[in-house]
Amino acid sequence: MKSKTTVTNQTRLLKAIITFALVLACGLGQSIKAAVTPAPLNVQAQAAQGFAAPGNAAPANFLIVVTDENGAAVTNLTQADFTVINHFGIPGQVCGFSNQIVTFNNVGTGAYHIQVALVNRGCTWVKGDYLAQVIVANGVGHGQAAVKLSVN
């Protein structure tokens, strides 16, 4: 038969082990949460018509600059990390350019040159301002920016 002192010591040891396990689990849970929560990316975007003009179907240009939350250039993104969405139609325009990335160039400085084309063959640009949303998401970080593409 165990003495009362032995039982008390075993109880204290068991409580200490359980407390340690709970603290470890809580801390590990925070680490896992931090590891899978995407960090914010700062996304800036400018658009230029390039060779796109009313009546033609040439691609339009987007310059997108991506930095992390500390302002450091994000240089390892791929075309799959970018989505360009054309919002709001222009009178007379029957097709847009949502996710029609035809050229992708990682400049290597956190800047990315993207060209978009109209979705359907036979479509042409219409004069006006196209409003777009650029979304950048790669599992490590995410961000977005609004941009206006003027075709004149």
C-alpha atoms as a PDB file:
ATOM      1  CA  MET A   1       0.000   0.000   0.000  1.00  0.00           C
ATOM      2  CA  LYS A   2       1.264   3.451  -0.959  1.00  0.00           C
ATOM      3  CA  SER A   3       1.839   6.041   1.678  1.00  0.00           C
ATOM      4  CA  LYS A   4      -0.153   9.268   1.718  1.00  0.00           C
ATOM      5  CA  THR A   5       3.043  11.214   0.879  1.00  0.00           C
ATOM      6  CA  THR A   6       3.697   9.063  -2.210  1.00  0.00           C
ATOM      7  CA  VAL A   7       0.114   9.542  -3.475  1.00  0.00           C
ATOM      8  CA  THR A   8       0.336  13.321  -2.873  1.00  0.00           C
ATOM      9  CA  ASN A   9       3.649  13.542  -4.734  1.00  0.00           C
ATOM     10  CA  GLN A  10       2.283  11.491  -7.636  1.00  0.00           C
ATOM     11  CA  THR A  11      -0.802  13.721  -7.788  1.00  0.00           C
ATOM     12  CA  ARG A  12       1.381  16.837  -7.862  1.00  0.00           C
ATOM     13  CA  LEU A  13       3.555  15.326 -10.578  1.00  0.00           C
ATOM     14  CA  LEU A  14       0.492  14.387 -12.636  1.00  0.00           C
ATOM     15  CA  LYS A  15      -0.910  17.922 -12.271  1.00  0.00           C
ATOM     16  CA  ALA A  16       2.431  19.395 -13.331  1.00  0.00           C
ATOM     17  CA  ILE A  17       2.587  17.134 -16.393  1.00  0.00           C
ATOM     18  CA  ILE A  18      -0.978  18.034 -17.403  1.00  0.00           C
ATOM     19  CA  THR A  19      -0.293  21.752 -16.896  1.00  0.00           C
ATOM     20  CA  PHE A  20       2.900  21.511 -18.963  1.00  0.00           C
ATOM     21  CA  ALA A  21       1.059  19.633 -21.722  1.00  0.00           C
ATOM     22  CA  LEU A  22      -1.688  22.274 -21.824  1.00  0.00           C
ATOM     23  CA  VAL A  23       0.824  25.130 -21.971  1.00  0.00           C
ATOM     24  CA  LEU A  24       2.756  23.361 -24.697  1.00  0.00           C
ATOM     25  CA  ALA A  25      -0.422  22.650 -26.684  1.00  0.00           C
ATOM     26  CA  CYS A  26      -1.596  26.265 -26.427  1.00  0.00           C
ATOM     27  CA  GLY A  27       1.779  27.594 -27.503  1.00  0.00           C
ATOM     28  CA  LEU A  28       2.002  25.100 -30.357  1.00  0.00           C
ATOM     29  CA  GLY A  29      -1.504  26.033 -31.455  1.00  0.00           C
ATOM     30  CA  GLN A  30      -0.474  29.694 -31.656  1.00  0.00           C
ATOM     31  CA  SER A  31       2.609  28.757 -33.687  1.00  0.00           C
ATOM     32  CA  ILE A  32       0.545  26.695 -36.115  1.00  0.00           C
ATOM     33  CA  LYS A  33      -2.008  29.486 -36.440  1.00  0.00           C
ATOM     34  CA  ALA A  34       0.752  32.002 -37.161  1.00  0.00           C
ATOM     35  CA  ALA A  35       2.293  29.669 -39.732  1.00  0.00           C
ATOM     36  CA  VAL A  36      -0.915  29.219 -41.747  1.00  0.00           C
ATOM     37  CA  THR A  37      -2.385  32.725 -41.487  1.00  0.00           C
ATOM     38  CA  PRO A  38      -1.388  34.631 -44.623  1.00  0.00           C
ATOM     39  CA  ALA A  39       0.442  37.883 -43.984  1.00  0.00           C
ATOM     40  CA  PRO A  40      -0.830  41.063 -45.589  1.00  0.00           C
ATOM     41  CA  LEU A  41       0.851  42.107 -48.817  1.00  0.00           C
ATOM     42  CA  ASN A  42       0.908  45.721 -49.956  1.00  0.00           C
ATOM     43  CA  VAL A  43      -0.210  45.842 -53.581  1.00  0.00           C
ATOM     44  CA  GLN A  44       0.009  48.925 -55.788  1.00  0.00           C
ATOM     45  CA  ALA A  45      -1.176  48.855 -59.383  1.00  0.00           C
ATOM     46  CA  GLN A  46      -1.073  51.192 -62.365  1.00  0.00           C
ATOM     47  CA  ALA A  47      -2.614  50.522 -65.763  1.00  0.00           C
ATOM     48  CA  ALA A  48      -1.783  51.924 -69.189  1.00  0.00           C
ATOM     49  CA  GLN A  49      -3.459  51.220 -72.466  1.00  0.00           C
ATOM     50  CA  GLY A  50      -0.176  50.364 -74.207  1.00  0.00           C
ATOM     51  CA  PHE A  51      -1.141  49.385 -77.740  1.00  0.00           C
ATOM     52  CA  ALA A  52      -4.771  48.834 -76.745  1.00  0.00           C
ATOM     53  CA  ALA A  53      -6.990  51.381 -78.476  1.00  0.00           C
ATOM     54  CA  PRO A  54     -10.651  51.700 -79.380  1.00  0.00           C
ATOM     55  CA  GLY A  55     -11.412  49.290 -82.205  1.00  0.00           C
ATOM     56  CA  ASN A  56      -8.439  46.936 -81.710  1.00  0.00           C
ATOM     57  CA  ALA A  57      -7.778  43.921 -79.488  1.00  0.00           C
ATOM     58  CA  ALA A  58      -4.149  44.603 -78.488  1.00  0.00           C
ATOM     59  CA  PRO A  59      -3.276  43.822 -74.842  1.00  0.00           C
ATOM     60  CA  ALA A  60      -3.261  46.499 -72.140  1.00  0.00           C
ATOM     61  CA  ASN A  61      -0.504  46.897 -69.542  1.00  0.00           C
ATOM     62  CA  PHE A  62      -0.556  46.640 -65.765  1.00  0.00           C
ATOM     63  CA  LEU A  63       2.414  47.409 -63.521  1.00  0.00           C
ATOM     64  CA  ILE A  64       1.967  45.822 -60.113  1.00  0.00           C
ATOM     65  CA  VAL A  65       4.350  46.423 -57.209  1.00  0.00           C
ATOM     66  CA  VAL A  66       4.162  44.039 -54.243  1.00  0.00           C
ATOM     67  CA  THR A  67       5.828  44.528 -50.852  1.00  0.00           C
ATOM     68  CA  ASP A  68       5.455  42.711 -47.553  1.00  0.00           C
ATOM     69  CA  GLU A  69       4.168  44.255 -44.329  1.00  0.00           C
ATOM     70  CA  ASN A  70       7.666  45.617 -43.615  1.00  0.00           C
ATOM     71  CA  GLY A  71       7.981  47.279 -47.035  1.00  0.00           C
ATOM     72  CA  ALA A  72      10.427  44.724 -48.462  1.00  0.00           C
ATOM     73  CA  ALA A  73       9.976  43.783 -52.121  1.00  0.00           C
ATOM     74  CA  VAL A  74       8.231  40.449 -52.737  1.00  0.00           C
ATOM     75  CA  THR A  75      10.167  38.976 -55.659  1.00  0.00           C
ATOM     76  CA  ASN A  76       9.091  35.318 -55.808  1.00  0.00           C
ATOM     77  CA  LEU A  77       5.548  35.524 -57.172  1.00  0.00           C
ATOM     78  CA  THR A  78       4.339  33.679 -60.262  1.00  0.00           C
ATOM     79  CA  GLN A  79       1.530  34.323 -62.715  1.00  0.00           C
ATOM     80  CA  ALA A  80      -0.655  31.888 -60.758  1.00  0.00           C
ATOM     81  CA  ASP A  81      -0.486  34.270 -57.765  1.00  0.00           C
ATOM     82  CA  PHE A  82      -2.241  37.092 -59.682  1.00  0.00           C
ATOM     83  CA  THR A  83      -5.880  37.616 -60.559  1.00  0.00           C
ATOM     84  CA  VAL A  84      -7.084  40.625 -62.541  1.00  0.00           C
ATOM     85  CA  ILE A  85     -10.839  41.197 -62.503  1.00  0.00           C
ATOM     86  CA  ASN A  86     -12.633  43.645 -64.805  1.00  0.00           C
ATOM     87  CA  HIS A  87     -15.542  45.244 -62.927  1.00  0.00           C
ATOM     88  CA  PHE A  88     -18.406  47.246 -64.441  1.00  0.00           C
ATOM     89  CA  GLY A  89     -18.971  47.230 -68.166  1.00  0.00           C
ATOM     90  CA  ILE A  90     -18.589  50.184 -70.481  1.00  0.00           C
ATOM     91  CA  PRO A  91     -21.532  50.971 -72.772  1.00  0.00           C
ATOM     92  CA  GLY A  92     -20.885  49.243 -76.081  1.00  0.00           C
ATOM     93  CA  GLN A  93     -18.349  46.788 -74.642  1.00  0.00           C
ATOM     94  CA  VAL A  94     -19.563  43.194 -74.824  1.00  0.00           C
ATOM     95  CA  CYS A  95     -16.532  41.499 -73.273  1.00  0.00           C
ATOM     96  CA  GLY A  96     -13.996  42.284 -70.604  1.00  0.00           C
ATOM     97  CA  PHE A  97     -10.539  41.081 -69.635  1.00  0.00           C
ATOM     98  CA  SER A  98     -11.086  39.267 -66.322  1.00  0.00           C
ATOM     99  CA  ASN A  99      -8.212  36.858 -65.701  1.00  0.00           C
ATOM    100  CA  GLN A 100      -7.002  37.043 -69.307  1.00  0.00           C
ATOM    101  CA  ILE A 101      -3.322  37.457 -68.463  1.00  0.00           C
ATOM    102  CA  VAL A 102      -1.428  36.972 -71.729  1.00  0.00           C
ATOM    103  CA  THR A 103       2.013  38.215 -70.662  1.00  0.00           C
ATOM    104  CA  PHE A 104       3.661  37.967 -67.237  1.00  0.00           C
ATOM    105  CA  ASN A 105       7.088  39.341 -66.396  1.00  0.00           C
ATOM    106  CA  ASN A 106       8.643  39.264 -62.929  1.00  0.00           C
ATOM    107  CA  VAL A 107      11.043  42.221 -63.033  1.00  0.00           C
ATOM    108  CA  GLY A 108      12.826  40.922 -59.905  1.00  0.00           C
ATOM    109  CA  THR A 109      12.416  44.063 -57.791  1.00  0.00           C
ATOM    110  CA  GLY A 110       8.921  43.404 -56.466  1.00  0.00           C
ATOM    111  CA  ALA A 111       7.492  44.822 -59.714  1.00  0.00           C
ATOM    112  CA  TYR A 112       5.481  42.697 -62.111  1.00  0.00           C
ATOM    113  CA  HIS A 113       4.487  43.594 -65.666  1.00  0.00           C
ATOM    114  CA  ILE A 114       1.238  41.980 -66.732  1.00  0.00           C
ATOM    115  CA  GLN A 115      -0.597  42.328 -70.006  1.00  0.00           C
ATOM    116  CA  VAL A 116      -4.284  41.492 -70.264  1.00  0.00           C
ATOM    117  CA  ALA A 117      -6.335  40.846 -73.379  1.00  0.00           C
ATOM    118  CA  LEU A 118     -10.041  40.818 -74.037  1.00  0.00           C
ATOM    119  CA  VAL A 119     -11.741  37.522 -73.209  1.00  0.00           C
ATOM    120  CA  ASN A 120     -13.342  36.671 -76.555  1.00  0.00           C
ATOM    121  CA  ARG A 121     -11.876  36.651 -80.051  1.00  0.00           C
ATOM    122  CA  GLY A 122     -13.506  39.247 -82.213  1.00  0.00           C
ATOM    123  CA  CYS A 123     -13.943  41.669 -79.324  1.00  0.00           C
ATOM    124  CA  THR A 124     -12.327  45.087 -79.477  1.00  0.00           C
ATOM    125  CA  TRP A 125     -11.652  47.780 -76.925  1.00  0.00           C
ATOM    126  CA  VAL A 126     -14.197  50.540 -76.476  1.00  0.00           C
ATOM    127  CA  LYS A 127     -13.121  54.039 -75.468  1.00  0.00           C
ATOM    128  CA  GLY A 128     -13.552  54.617 -71.740  1.00  0.00           C
ATOM    129  CA  ASP A 129     -12.361  53.846 -68.239  1.00  0.00           C
ATOM    130  CA  TYR A 130     -12.279  50.204 -67.179  1.00  0.00           C
ATOM    131  CA  LEU A 131     -12.247  49.568 -63.418  1.00  0.00           C
ATOM    132  CA  ALA A 132     -10.278  46.552 -62.301  1.00  0.00           C
ATOM    133  CA  GLN A 133      -9.234  44.741 -59.153  1.00  0.00           C
ATOM    134  CA  VAL A 134      -5.801  43.142 -58.858  1.00  0.00           C
ATOM    135  CA  ILE A 135      -5.592  40.346 -56.298  1.00  0.00           C
ATOM    136  CA  VAL A 136      -2.298  38.813 -55.188  1.00  0.00           C
ATOM    137  CA  ALA A 137      -2.398  35.638 -53.076  1.00  0.00           C
ATOM    138  CA  ASN A 138       0.228  32.928 -52.751  1.00  0.00           C
ATOM    139  CA  GLY A 139      -0.499  31.038 -49.525  1.00  0.00           C
ATOM    140  CA  VAL A 140       2.094  33.063 -47.616  1.00  0.00           C
ATOM    141  CA  GLY A 141       0.474  36.452 -48.134  1.00  0.00           C
ATOM    142  CA  HIS A 142      -2.409  38.244 -49.785  1.00  0.00           C
ATOM    143  CA  GLY A 143      -3.384  41.745 -50.852  1.00  0.00           C
ATOM    144  CA  GLN A 144      -5.326  43.662 -53.459  1.00  0.00           C
ATOM    145  CA  ALA A 145      -5.607  46.995 -55.208  1.00  0.00           C
ATOM    146  CA  ALA A 146      -8.098  48.827 -57.373  1.00  0.00           C
ATOM    147  CA  VAL A 147      -6.902  50.237 -60.679  1.00  0.00           C
ATOM    148  CA  LYS A 148      -8.349  52.223 -63.580  1.00  0.00           C
ATOM    149  CA  LEU A 149      -7.421  51.393 -67.184  1.00  0.00           C
ATOM    150  CA  SER A 150      -8.217  54.253 -69.557  1.00  0.00           C
ATOM    151  CA  VAL A 151      -8.500  53.363 -73.233  1.00  0.00           C
ATOM    152  CA  ASN A 152      -8.614  56.452 -75.449  1.00  0.00           C
END
